[in-house]
């Protein structure tokens, strides 16, 4: 079962954001993928042909965030 977790690389060591649900001495296989921003991940999905900076500002603007139901 794949597990995805955020980590930060510093001074030659990966620092995990939370503990892993693994047994002591359990062998695993690790793949490293550079994290990208939400704007980068979603760029191109809506067929936008304009400036990527405009899409980034809209994606990060709190006025366009998901509103909670009352």
N, C-alpha and C. Protein backbone atom coordinates (compact mmCIF):
# COMPACT_ATOMS: atom_id res chain seq x y z
N UNK A 1 0.85 -1.18 0.00
CA UNK A 1 0.00 0.00 0.00
C UNK A 1 0.89 1.24 0.00
N UNK A 2 0.74 2.11 -0.99
CA UNK A 2 1.57 3.33 -1.05
C UNK A 2 1.22 4.31 0.07
N UNK A 3 2.22 4.98 0.56
CA UNK A 3 2.05 6.03 1.57
C UNK A 3 2.69 7.28 1.00
N UNK A 4 1.97 8.40 1.06
CA UNK A 4 2.52 9.67 0.60
C UNK A 4 2.63 10.58 1.81
N UNK A 5 3.81 11.18 1.99
CA UNK A 5 4.04 12.03 3.16
C UNK A 5 4.96 13.18 2.76
N UNK A 6 4.76 14.33 3.36
CA UNK A 6 5.60 15.50 3.10
C UNK A 6 6.88 15.37 3.93
N UNK A 7 7.99 15.82 3.36
CA UNK A 7 9.27 15.82 4.06
C UNK A 7 10.10 16.99 3.57
N UNK A 8 11.08 17.38 4.38
CA UNK A 8 12.00 18.45 4.02
C UNK A 8 13.42 17.89 4.08
N UNK A 9 14.19 18.16 3.04
CA UNK A 9 15.58 17.72 3.00
C UNK A 9 16.47 18.81 3.57
N UNK A 10 17.23 18.47 4.62
CA UNK A 10 18.12 19.46 5.25
C UNK A 10 19.37 18.76 5.76
N UNK A 11 20.51 19.29 5.41
CA UNK A 11 21.80 18.76 5.88
C UNK A 11 21.95 17.26 5.63
N UNK A 12 21.50 16.80 4.46
CA UNK A 12 21.69 15.41 4.10
C UNK A 12 20.67 14.44 4.67
N UNK A 13 19.64 14.96 5.34
CA UNK A 13 18.65 14.09 5.98
C UNK A 13 17.24 14.52 5.59
N UNK A 14 16.36 13.55 5.32
CA UNK A 14 14.94 13.86 5.09
C UNK A 14 14.23 13.91 6.44
N UNK A 15 13.59 15.03 6.72
CA UNK A 15 12.82 15.20 7.96
C UNK A 15 11.35 15.04 7.61
N UNK A 16 10.71 13.98 8.10
CA UNK A 16 9.30 13.72 7.81
C UNK A 16 8.40 14.64 8.61
N UNK A 17 7.27 15.01 8.03
CA UNK A 17 6.31 15.90 8.69
C UNK A 17 5.51 15.16 9.76
N UNK A 18 5.40 13.83 9.64
CA UNK A 18 4.64 13.03 10.61
C UNK A 18 5.23 11.63 10.63
N UNK A 19 4.98 10.85 11.68
CA UNK A 19 5.53 9.49 11.74
C UNK A 19 4.90 8.56 10.70
N UNK A 20 5.64 7.53 10.34
CA UNK A 20 5.16 6.55 9.38
C UNK A 20 4.54 5.35 10.10
N UNK A 21 3.48 4.77 9.53
CA UNK A 21 2.85 3.59 10.14
C UNK A 21 3.57 2.30 9.71
N UNK A 22 4.84 2.16 10.11
CA UNK A 22 5.65 1.02 9.70
C UNK A 22 6.16 0.26 10.92
N UNK A 23 6.45 -1.01 10.72
CA UNK A 23 7.04 -1.84 11.76
C UNK A 23 8.54 -1.52 11.87
N UNK A 24 9.11 -1.74 13.05
CA UNK A 24 10.54 -1.56 13.24
C UNK A 24 11.30 -2.50 12.30
N UNK A 25 12.29 -1.98 11.62
CA UNK A 25 13.14 -2.70 10.67
C UNK A 25 12.40 -3.17 9.41
N UNK A 26 11.21 -2.65 9.16
CA UNK A 26 10.48 -3.00 7.95
C UNK A 26 11.19 -2.38 6.75
N UNK A 27 11.42 -3.18 5.71
CA UNK A 27 12.08 -2.67 4.51
C UNK A 27 11.04 -2.02 3.61
N UNK A 28 11.43 -0.90 3.01
CA UNK A 28 10.54 -0.16 2.12
C UNK A 28 11.32 0.29 0.90
N UNK A 29 10.62 0.71 -0.12
CA UNK A 29 11.20 1.30 -1.31
C UNK A 29 10.76 2.75 -1.35
N UNK A 30 11.69 3.66 -1.57
CA UNK A 30 11.40 5.10 -1.51
C UNK A 30 11.55 5.73 -2.89
N UNK A 31 10.58 6.55 -3.28
CA UNK A 31 10.65 7.35 -4.50
C UNK A 31 10.59 8.81 -4.08
N UNK A 32 11.41 9.64 -4.67
CA UNK A 32 11.46 11.06 -4.33
C UNK A 32 10.87 11.87 -5.48
N UNK A 33 9.88 12.71 -5.17
CA UNK A 33 9.26 13.60 -6.15
C UNK A 33 9.28 15.01 -5.57
N UNK A 34 9.82 15.97 -6.31
CA UNK A 34 9.86 17.34 -5.84
C UNK A 34 8.44 17.89 -5.73
N UNK A 35 8.14 18.50 -4.59
CA UNK A 35 6.82 19.09 -4.38
C UNK A 35 6.65 20.31 -5.29
N UNK A 36 5.44 20.48 -5.80
CA UNK A 36 5.14 21.66 -6.61
C UNK A 36 3.93 22.37 -6.01
N UNK A 37 3.79 23.64 -6.32
CA UNK A 37 2.69 24.42 -5.77
C UNK A 37 1.37 24.01 -6.41
N UNK A 38 0.27 24.35 -5.76
CA UNK A 38 -1.06 24.07 -6.30
C UNK A 38 -1.25 24.76 -7.65
N UNK A 39 -0.73 25.97 -7.78
CA UNK A 39 -0.85 26.70 -9.04
C UNK A 39 -0.11 25.98 -10.17
N UNK A 40 1.09 25.48 -9.88
CA UNK A 40 1.84 24.75 -10.89
C UNK A 40 1.14 23.44 -11.27
N UNK A 41 0.60 22.75 -10.27
CA UNK A 41 -0.06 21.47 -10.53
C UNK A 41 -1.33 21.64 -11.35
N UNK A 42 -2.04 22.74 -11.17
CA UNK A 42 -3.31 22.92 -11.86
C UNK A 42 -3.20 23.76 -13.14
N UNK A 43 -2.02 24.33 -13.40
CA UNK A 43 -1.85 25.16 -14.59
C UNK A 43 -2.11 24.33 -15.84
N UNK A 44 -2.95 24.83 -16.72
CA UNK A 44 -3.26 24.16 -17.97
C UNK A 44 -4.53 23.34 -17.92
N UNK A 45 -5.05 23.05 -16.74
CA UNK A 45 -6.26 22.24 -16.63
C UNK A 45 -7.50 22.95 -17.17
N UNK A 46 -7.53 24.28 -17.11
CA UNK A 46 -8.71 25.01 -17.57
C UNK A 46 -8.52 25.61 -18.96
N UNK A 47 -7.44 25.25 -19.62
CA UNK A 47 -7.21 25.75 -20.97
C UNK A 47 -6.81 27.22 -21.01
N UNK A 48 -6.30 27.73 -19.91
CA UNK A 48 -5.89 29.14 -19.82
C UNK A 48 -4.71 29.38 -20.75
N UNK A 49 -4.78 30.43 -21.55
CA UNK A 49 -3.68 30.77 -22.45
C UNK A 49 -3.03 32.09 -22.06
N UNK A 50 -3.44 32.63 -20.94
CA UNK A 50 -2.90 33.91 -20.48
C UNK A 50 -1.68 33.74 -19.61
N UNK A 51 -1.41 34.75 -18.83
CA UNK A 51 -0.23 34.83 -17.97
C UNK A 51 -0.37 33.87 -16.78
N UNK A 52 0.61 33.00 -16.53
CA UNK A 52 0.53 32.08 -15.39
C UNK A 52 0.50 32.81 -14.05
N UNK A 53 1.05 34.01 -13.99
CA UNK A 53 1.05 34.78 -12.74
C UNK A 53 -0.38 35.16 -12.34
N UNK A 54 -1.24 35.46 -13.31
CA UNK A 54 -2.64 35.79 -13.05
C UNK A 54 -3.36 34.57 -12.46
N UNK A 55 -3.12 33.39 -13.03
CA UNK A 55 -3.74 32.17 -12.51
C UNK A 55 -3.26 31.91 -11.08
N UNK A 56 -1.96 32.11 -10.83
CA UNK A 56 -1.41 31.90 -9.47
C UNK A 56 -2.08 32.82 -8.47
N UNK A 57 -2.24 34.10 -8.82
CA UNK A 57 -2.88 35.06 -7.91
C UNK A 57 -4.32 34.66 -7.63
N UNK A 58 -5.04 34.22 -8.66
CA UNK A 58 -6.44 33.79 -8.47
C UNK A 58 -6.50 32.54 -7.61
N UNK A 59 -5.63 31.56 -7.87
CA UNK A 59 -5.63 30.31 -7.12
C UNK A 59 -5.33 30.52 -5.66
N UNK A 60 -4.49 31.50 -5.34
CA UNK A 60 -4.10 31.74 -3.95
C UNK A 60 -4.93 32.83 -3.27
N UNK A 61 -5.83 33.47 -3.98
CA UNK A 61 -6.65 34.54 -3.42
C UNK A 61 -7.71 33.96 -2.48
N UNK A 62 -7.73 34.38 -1.20
CA UNK A 62 -8.71 33.83 -0.25
C UNK A 62 -10.16 34.12 -0.63
N UNK A 63 -10.41 35.14 -1.45
CA UNK A 63 -11.78 35.43 -1.88
C UNK A 63 -12.32 34.35 -2.78
N UNK A 64 -11.45 33.52 -3.38
CA UNK A 64 -11.87 32.45 -4.27
C UNK A 64 -11.79 31.08 -3.61
N UNK A 65 -11.53 31.03 -2.30
CA UNK A 65 -11.40 29.74 -1.62
C UNK A 65 -12.78 29.11 -1.40
N UNK A 66 -12.78 27.84 -1.06
CA UNK A 66 -14.02 27.10 -0.82
C UNK A 66 -14.66 27.64 0.46
N UNK A 67 -15.93 27.98 0.37
CA UNK A 67 -16.65 28.50 1.52
C UNK A 67 -17.29 27.34 2.28
N UNK A 68 -17.22 27.37 3.61
CA UNK A 68 -17.87 26.34 4.39
C UNK A 68 -19.37 26.58 4.45
N UNK A 69 -20.12 25.50 4.44
CA UNK A 69 -21.59 25.62 4.54
C UNK A 69 -21.98 26.01 5.95
N UNK A 70 -23.08 26.78 6.09
CA UNK A 70 -23.51 27.19 7.43
C UNK A 70 -24.03 26.03 8.26
